[in-house]
Amino acid sequence: MAWAWYRAGTVSVTANSDAVTGAGGTQWAAGNVKAGDAFIGPDGKIYEIEAVASDTSIKLRTDYQGTTASGQQYAMAPFAPMTQAVYSKLVELLNQLAGELNVGSVKIGGAATEVALAVLGDVSLEADDSGNQITTLSRNSVSRAALLMLATAMAPRARVGLVNDDTDNLHIEVSTDGSTWTPALSLRNADGVIVVHQGIEDELGNPIGGGGDQPIAPGDIEGAATNTTSILGKLAADGTKAMRELDLAALQQALGTIVGRNLTISTSDPSGGADGDLWFKVT
């Protein structure tokens, strides 16, 4: 029912009867009146409406105490507490959204330790009228976290963002149990340096470098073996992509394995060998 009084039409009442009949355009069953609302009869007393049978018929919870009369003025108004009315409206809204949202897969509110909003299925974020789409995860202080959590069957396995380490550094961490986290990479907020926490391996599991919370910097690969047979070269000290060191024996062995031929890399002129062998003269 609307929040205003409803007075359309007239009523007929009978002494000691719980039946009320409407006329002259009453529309009680059209959402204007519901069980629990108040009915003020021609006798001026307030009665509770027990049921709405039709637009022209209602039943009172108690018998009408006035005299029998017809064509009389009356009034009806909501009598339920406001909280009940709000709850009813919320249920109605959720029912209306049921065709678009899977009601039950969305949780809104809850205790601080609960999920504030959980949506099942794919989620798309579209740009606003300006053409931008900016999503912000904010924390209250550096002792708190702002993270994107990645999970398998709701079990956290990786996270990216700002952890509660009293810094503004960006972290990438992994976990096998969702409670203990192993740092992999971090990006220092102060200077943009990438720090490798666990080292780097090639696809065969051979260590390349990194580890020990030290950054990979021009001039070396931190943590790599000093023996260049384990790697073919190191980054140039001046930060260019040129190789500072090159182990010819390691390169010869690697290329020979790839091409399936005997391969020689030497500063000398080609000599010996058989058909199909490869010889590279380095000057």
Protein backbone atom coordinates (compact mmCIF):
# COMPACT_ATOMS: atom_id res chain seq x y z
CA MET A 1 0.00 0.00 0.00
CA ALA A 2 1.12 3.59 -0.59
CA TRP A 3 2.32 5.57 2.42
CA ALA A 4 -0.80 7.86 2.24
CA TRP A 5 -4.28 7.12 3.47
CA TYR A 6 -6.59 5.32 1.03
CA ARG A 7 -10.20 6.58 0.88
CA ALA A 8 -11.48 5.82 -2.64
CA GLY A 9 -15.18 4.87 -2.89
CA THR A 10 -17.49 4.00 0.01
CA VAL A 11 -18.11 0.99 2.27
CA SER A 12 -20.99 -1.00 3.66
CA VAL A 13 -20.59 -2.52 7.12
CA THR A 14 -22.75 -4.79 9.26
CA ALA A 15 -22.90 -4.77 13.04
CA ASN A 16 -21.10 -7.75 14.64
CA SER A 17 -19.75 -8.91 11.27
CA ASP A 18 -16.13 -9.01 10.04
CA ALA A 19 -17.10 -8.45 6.38
CA VAL A 20 -16.67 -5.05 4.70
CA THR A 21 -17.95 -4.39 1.18
CA GLY A 22 -16.64 -1.62 -1.07
CA ALA A 23 -18.38 0.36 -3.83
CA GLY A 24 -17.84 3.40 -5.99
CA GLY A 25 -14.40 2.48 -7.32
CA THR A 26 -12.61 0.77 -4.46
CA GLN A 27 -9.49 -1.06 -5.63
CA TRP A 28 -8.34 -2.87 -2.56
CA ALA A 29 -6.78 -5.89 -4.28
CA ALA A 30 -4.72 -3.72 -6.68
CA GLY A 31 -1.92 -3.28 -4.14
CA ASN A 32 -3.56 -0.43 -2.26
CA VAL A 33 -4.48 -2.53 0.78
CA LYS A 34 -2.89 -5.55 2.41
CA ALA A 35 -3.36 -7.73 5.48
CA GLY A 36 -2.15 -5.95 8.60
CA ASP A 37 -3.23 -2.49 7.43
CA ALA A 38 -5.60 -0.35 9.50
CA PHE A 39 -9.27 0.19 8.63
CA ILE A 40 -11.11 3.15 10.17
CA GLY A 41 -14.83 2.48 9.86
CA PRO A 42 -17.84 4.77 9.88
CA ASP A 43 -17.94 4.36 13.68
CA GLY A 44 -14.53 6.05 13.96
CA LYS A 45 -12.82 2.99 15.46
CA ILE A 46 -9.63 1.35 14.14
CA TYR A 47 -9.77 -2.28 13.00
CA GLU A 48 -7.03 -4.52 11.66
CA ILE A 49 -7.53 -5.93 8.17
CA GLU A 50 -7.08 -9.70 8.25
CA ALA A 51 -7.45 -10.44 4.53
CA VAL A 52 -8.12 -8.74 1.20
CA ALA A 53 -10.48 -10.89 -0.89
CA SER A 54 -11.01 -8.55 -3.86
CA ASP A 55 -11.20 -4.91 -4.89
CA THR A 56 -14.57 -4.68 -3.12
CA SER A 57 -14.25 -7.13 -0.23
CA ILE A 58 -12.06 -7.31 2.89
CA LYS A 59 -12.22 -9.23 6.15
CA LEU A 60 -11.56 -7.63 9.55
CA ARG A 61 -9.70 -9.46 12.29
CA THR A 62 -12.49 -8.55 14.75
CA ASP A 63 -16.22 -7.93 14.15
CA TYR A 64 -17.38 -4.43 13.34
CA GLN A 65 -18.70 -2.77 16.53
CA GLY A 66 -20.75 0.05 15.00
CA THR A 67 -24.21 0.04 13.51
CA THR A 68 -25.08 -1.40 10.14
CA ALA A 69 -24.66 1.20 7.37
CA SER A 70 -23.96 1.52 3.64
CA GLY A 71 -22.40 4.14 1.36
CA GLN A 72 -20.21 5.35 4.20
CA GLN A 73 -16.84 7.12 4.21
CA TYR A 74 -13.84 5.17 5.52
CA ALA A 75 -10.03 5.26 5.53
CA MET A 76 -7.22 2.68 5.29
CA ALA A 77 -3.52 3.09 5.98
CA PRO A 78 -0.43 0.92 6.48
CA PHE A 79 -0.16 -0.21 10.07
CA ALA A 80 2.93 -2.49 9.84
CA PRO A 81 6.19 -1.25 11.33
CA MET A 82 8.46 0.58 8.92
CA THR A 83 11.12 -2.16 9.10
CA GLN A 84 8.60 -4.74 7.94
CA ALA A 85 7.53 -2.49 5.08
CA VAL A 86 11.15 -1.96 3.98
CA TYR A 87 11.80 -5.69 4.17
CA SER A 88 8.77 -6.35 1.97
CA LYS A 89 10.01 -3.85 -0.59
CA LEU A 90 13.48 -5.45 -0.57
CA VAL A 91 12.01 -8.90 -1.19
CA GLU A 92 9.94 -7.45 -4.03
CA LEU A 93 13.06 -5.86 -5.56
CA LEU A 94 15.05 -9.09 -5.36
CA ASN A 95 12.20 -10.95 -7.03
CA GLN A 96 12.21 -8.39 -9.84
CA LEU A 97 15.96 -8.84 -10.31
CA ALA A 98 15.76 -12.62 -10.28
CA GLY A 99 15.64 -12.72 -14.08
CA GLU A 100 18.96 -10.88 -14.37
CA LEU A 101 20.79 -11.89 -11.19
CA ASN A 102 21.16 -15.33 -9.68
CA VAL A 103 19.73 -14.41 -6.30
CA GLY A 104 21.68 -16.41 -3.75
CA SER A 105 24.98 -15.97 -5.56
CA VAL A 106 25.14 -12.32 -4.47
CA LYS A 107 25.97 -11.43 -0.88
CA ILE A 108 25.66 -7.81 0.18
CA GLY A 109 26.87 -6.63 3.58
CA GLY A 110 27.69 -9.06 6.35
CA ALA A 111 30.27 -9.00 9.13
CA ALA A 112 33.71 -7.50 8.56
CA THR A 113 35.20 -10.97 8.16
CA GLU A 114 32.70 -11.96 5.49
CA VAL A 115 32.69 -11.32 1.76
CA ALA A 116 31.04 -7.94 1.13
CA LEU A 117 30.08 -8.77 -2.45
CA ALA A 118 30.49 -12.10 -4.23
CA VAL A 119 29.28 -12.61 -7.79
CA LEU A 120 29.24 -15.98 -9.54
CA GLY A 121 30.13 -16.00 -13.23
CA ASP A 122 32.01 -13.63 -15.51
CA VAL A 123 32.22 -9.95 -14.61
CA SER A 124 32.71 -7.20 -17.21
CA LEU A 125 33.75 -3.65 -16.37
CA GLU A 126 32.87 -1.10 -19.05
CA ALA A 127 34.24 2.37 -19.65
CA ASP A 128 32.30 5.42 -18.50
CA ASP A 129 31.14 8.25 -20.76
CA SER A 130 34.69 9.62 -20.90
CA GLY A 131 35.98 6.34 -22.34
CA ASN A 132 37.98 5.48 -19.22
CA GLN A 133 37.68 2.48 -16.95
CA ILE A 134 39.61 2.90 -13.71
CA THR A 135 39.19 0.40 -10.89
CA THR A 136 40.77 1.34 -7.57
CA LEU A 137 41.67 -0.96 -4.68
CA SER A 138 42.48 1.21 -1.69
CA ARG A 139 43.79 0.39 1.77
CA ASN A 140 43.74 2.54 4.91
CA SER A 141 47.49 2.40 5.59
CA VAL A 142 50.74 0.63 4.61
CA SER A 143 50.09 -1.86 7.41
CA ARG A 144 47.02 -3.09 5.51
CA ALA A 145 46.66 -4.86 2.15
CA ALA A 146 45.09 -4.04 -1.23
CA LEU A 147 45.24 -7.22 -3.30
CA LEU A 148 43.87 -9.01 -6.34
CA MET A 149 43.48 -12.62 -5.17
CA LEU A 150 43.51 -15.51 -7.66
CA ALA A 151 42.05 -18.82 -6.48
CA THR A 152 41.26 -22.37 -7.56
CA ALA A 153 37.87 -23.56 -6.29
CA MET A 154 37.92 -20.54 -3.95
CA ALA A 155 41.29 -21.65 -2.50
CA PRO A 156 43.76 -18.72 -2.82
CA ARG A 157 46.84 -19.62 -4.88
CA ALA A 158 48.29 -16.28 -6.07
CA ARG A 159 47.95 -12.62 -5.21
CA VAL A 160 49.08 -9.35 -6.78
CA GLY A 161 49.07 -5.98 -5.10
CA LEU A 162 50.13 -4.13 -1.99
CA VAL A 163 50.75 -6.39 1.01
CA ASN A 164 50.83 -5.34 4.65
CA ASP A 165 54.64 -4.91 4.77
CA ASP A 166 54.72 -1.19 5.66
CA THR A 167 55.77 -0.26 2.10
CA ASP A 168 54.07 0.78 -1.13
CA ASN A 169 55.94 -1.84 -3.15
CA LEU A 170 53.99 -3.96 -5.64
CA HIS A 171 54.19 -7.70 -4.88
CA ILE A 172 53.50 -10.93 -6.76
CA GLU A 173 53.20 -13.87 -4.36
CA VAL A 174 52.12 -17.52 -4.58
CA SER A 175 50.80 -20.03 -2.06
CA THR A 176 50.15 -23.77 -1.94
CA ASP A 177 47.74 -23.63 0.99
CA GLY A 178 46.24 -20.13 0.92
CA SER A 179 47.79 -19.13 4.24
CA THR A 180 51.57 -19.14 3.74
CA TRP A 181 52.73 -16.85 0.94
CA THR A 182 56.01 -17.04 -0.98
CA PRO A 183 57.17 -13.78 -2.60
CA ALA A 184 58.19 -14.16 -6.26
CA LEU A 185 58.66 -10.63 -7.58
CA SER A 186 58.29 -7.14 -6.18
CA LEU A 187 58.48 -3.73 -7.80
CA ARG A 188 59.99 -1.04 -5.59
CA ASN A 189 57.78 2.03 -5.43
CA ALA A 190 60.71 4.37 -4.81
CA ASP A 191 62.75 3.63 -7.94
CA GLY A 192 60.85 1.08 -10.06
CA VAL A 193 63.49 -1.63 -9.58
CA ILE A 194 62.25 -5.23 -9.99
CA VAL A 195 63.41 -7.49 -7.17
CA VAL A 196 63.55 -11.26 -7.80
CA HIS A 197 63.01 -13.10 -4.50
CA GLN A 198 63.34 -16.75 -5.52
CA GLY A 199 65.58 -16.72 -8.60
CA ILE A 200 64.94 -17.39 -12.29
CA GLU A 201 65.11 -20.69 -14.18
CA ASP A 202 64.85 -21.57 -17.84
CA GLU A 203 62.21 -24.01 -19.13
CA LEU A 204 64.52 -26.92 -18.35
CA GLY A 205 64.92 -25.90 -14.71
CA ASN A 206 68.41 -24.49 -15.08
CA PRO A 207 69.08 -21.48 -12.83
CA ILE A 208 69.61 -18.21 -14.66
CA GLY A 209 69.80 -15.68 -11.88
CA GLY A 210 68.05 -13.64 -9.23
CA GLY A 211 67.27 -14.55 -5.66
CA GLY A 212 68.31 -13.25 -2.28
CA ASP A 213 65.96 -10.23 -2.54
CA GLN A 214 68.46 -8.61 -4.91
CA PRO A 215 67.54 -6.92 -8.19
CA ILE A 216 68.79 -8.03 -11.59
CA ALA A 217 70.99 -5.14 -12.67
CA PRO A 218 73.04 -4.28 -15.77
CA GLY A 219 76.54 -5.69 -15.49
CA ASP A 220 75.62 -9.05 -14.01
CA ILE A 221 72.89 -11.56 -13.31
CA GLU A 222 72.57 -11.78 -9.53
CA GLY A 223 72.96 -15.31 -8.19
CA ALA A 224 74.20 -16.76 -11.48
CA ALA A 225 77.26 -18.96 -11.46
CA THR A 226 80.48 -17.17 -12.28
CA ASN A 227 81.39 -20.03 -14.64
CA THR A 228 80.12 -18.89 -18.03
CA THR A 229 79.64 -22.49 -19.17
CA SER A 230 76.33 -22.38 -17.26
CA ILE A 231 75.21 -19.31 -19.22
CA LEU A 232 76.36 -18.09 -22.60
CA GLY A 233 76.95 -14.53 -21.52
CA LYS A 234 76.18 -11.72 -19.12
CA LEU A 235 74.63 -8.31 -19.61
CA ALA A 236 77.01 -5.56 -20.55
CA ALA A 237 78.13 -3.31 -17.70
CA ASP A 238 76.98 -0.20 -19.53
CA GLY A 239 73.39 -1.45 -19.61
CA THR A 240 73.29 -2.15 -23.36
CA LYS A 241 72.10 -5.42 -24.81
CA ALA A 242 75.63 -6.30 -25.99
CA MET A 243 77.19 -9.36 -24.37
CA ARG A 244 80.08 -8.61 -22.03
CA GLU A 245 81.36 -12.16 -22.02
CA LEU A 246 80.85 -15.01 -24.47
CA ASP A 247 81.91 -18.59 -23.80
CA LEU A 248 82.77 -19.93 -27.24
CA ALA A 249 82.91 -23.55 -26.06
CA ALA A 250 79.43 -23.35 -24.55
CA LEU A 251 78.04 -21.66 -27.67
CA GLN A 252 79.67 -24.26 -29.93
CA GLN A 253 78.20 -27.13 -27.94
CA ALA A 254 74.72 -25.56 -27.84
CA LEU A 255 74.54 -24.76 -31.55
CA GLY A 256 75.98 -28.14 -32.52
CA THR A 257 73.24 -29.87 -30.58
CA ILE A 258 70.55 -27.74 -32.24
CA VAL A 259 71.64 -28.24 -35.86
CA GLY A 260 72.76 -31.87 -35.41
CA ARG A 261 76.12 -31.31 -37.05
CA ASN A 262 79.71 -31.05 -35.90
CA LEU A 263 80.17 -27.36 -35.39
CA THR A 264 83.43 -25.51 -34.83
CA ILE A 265 83.81 -21.90 -33.72
CA SER A 266 87.41 -20.74 -34.00
CA THR A 267 89.63 -17.79 -34.81
CA SER A 268 91.53 -20.07 -37.23
CA ASP A 269 90.79 -20.84 -40.85
CA PRO A 270 88.60 -23.90 -41.52
CA SER A 271 90.45 -27.21 -41.72
CA GLY A 272 89.65 -30.92 -41.55
CA GLY A 273 86.16 -32.15 -40.82
CA ALA A 274 83.69 -33.98 -43.05
CA ASP A 275 80.85 -33.11 -45.41
CA GLY A 276 78.04 -31.39 -43.53
CA ASP A 277 80.22 -30.02 -40.72
CA LEU A 278 79.98 -26.32 -39.92
CA TRP A 279 82.92 -24.01 -39.22
CA PHE A 280 82.60 -20.43 -37.99
CA LYS A 281 85.67 -18.22 -38.00
CA VAL A 282 85.53 -15.52 -35.35
CA THR A 283 87.70 -12.49 -35.90
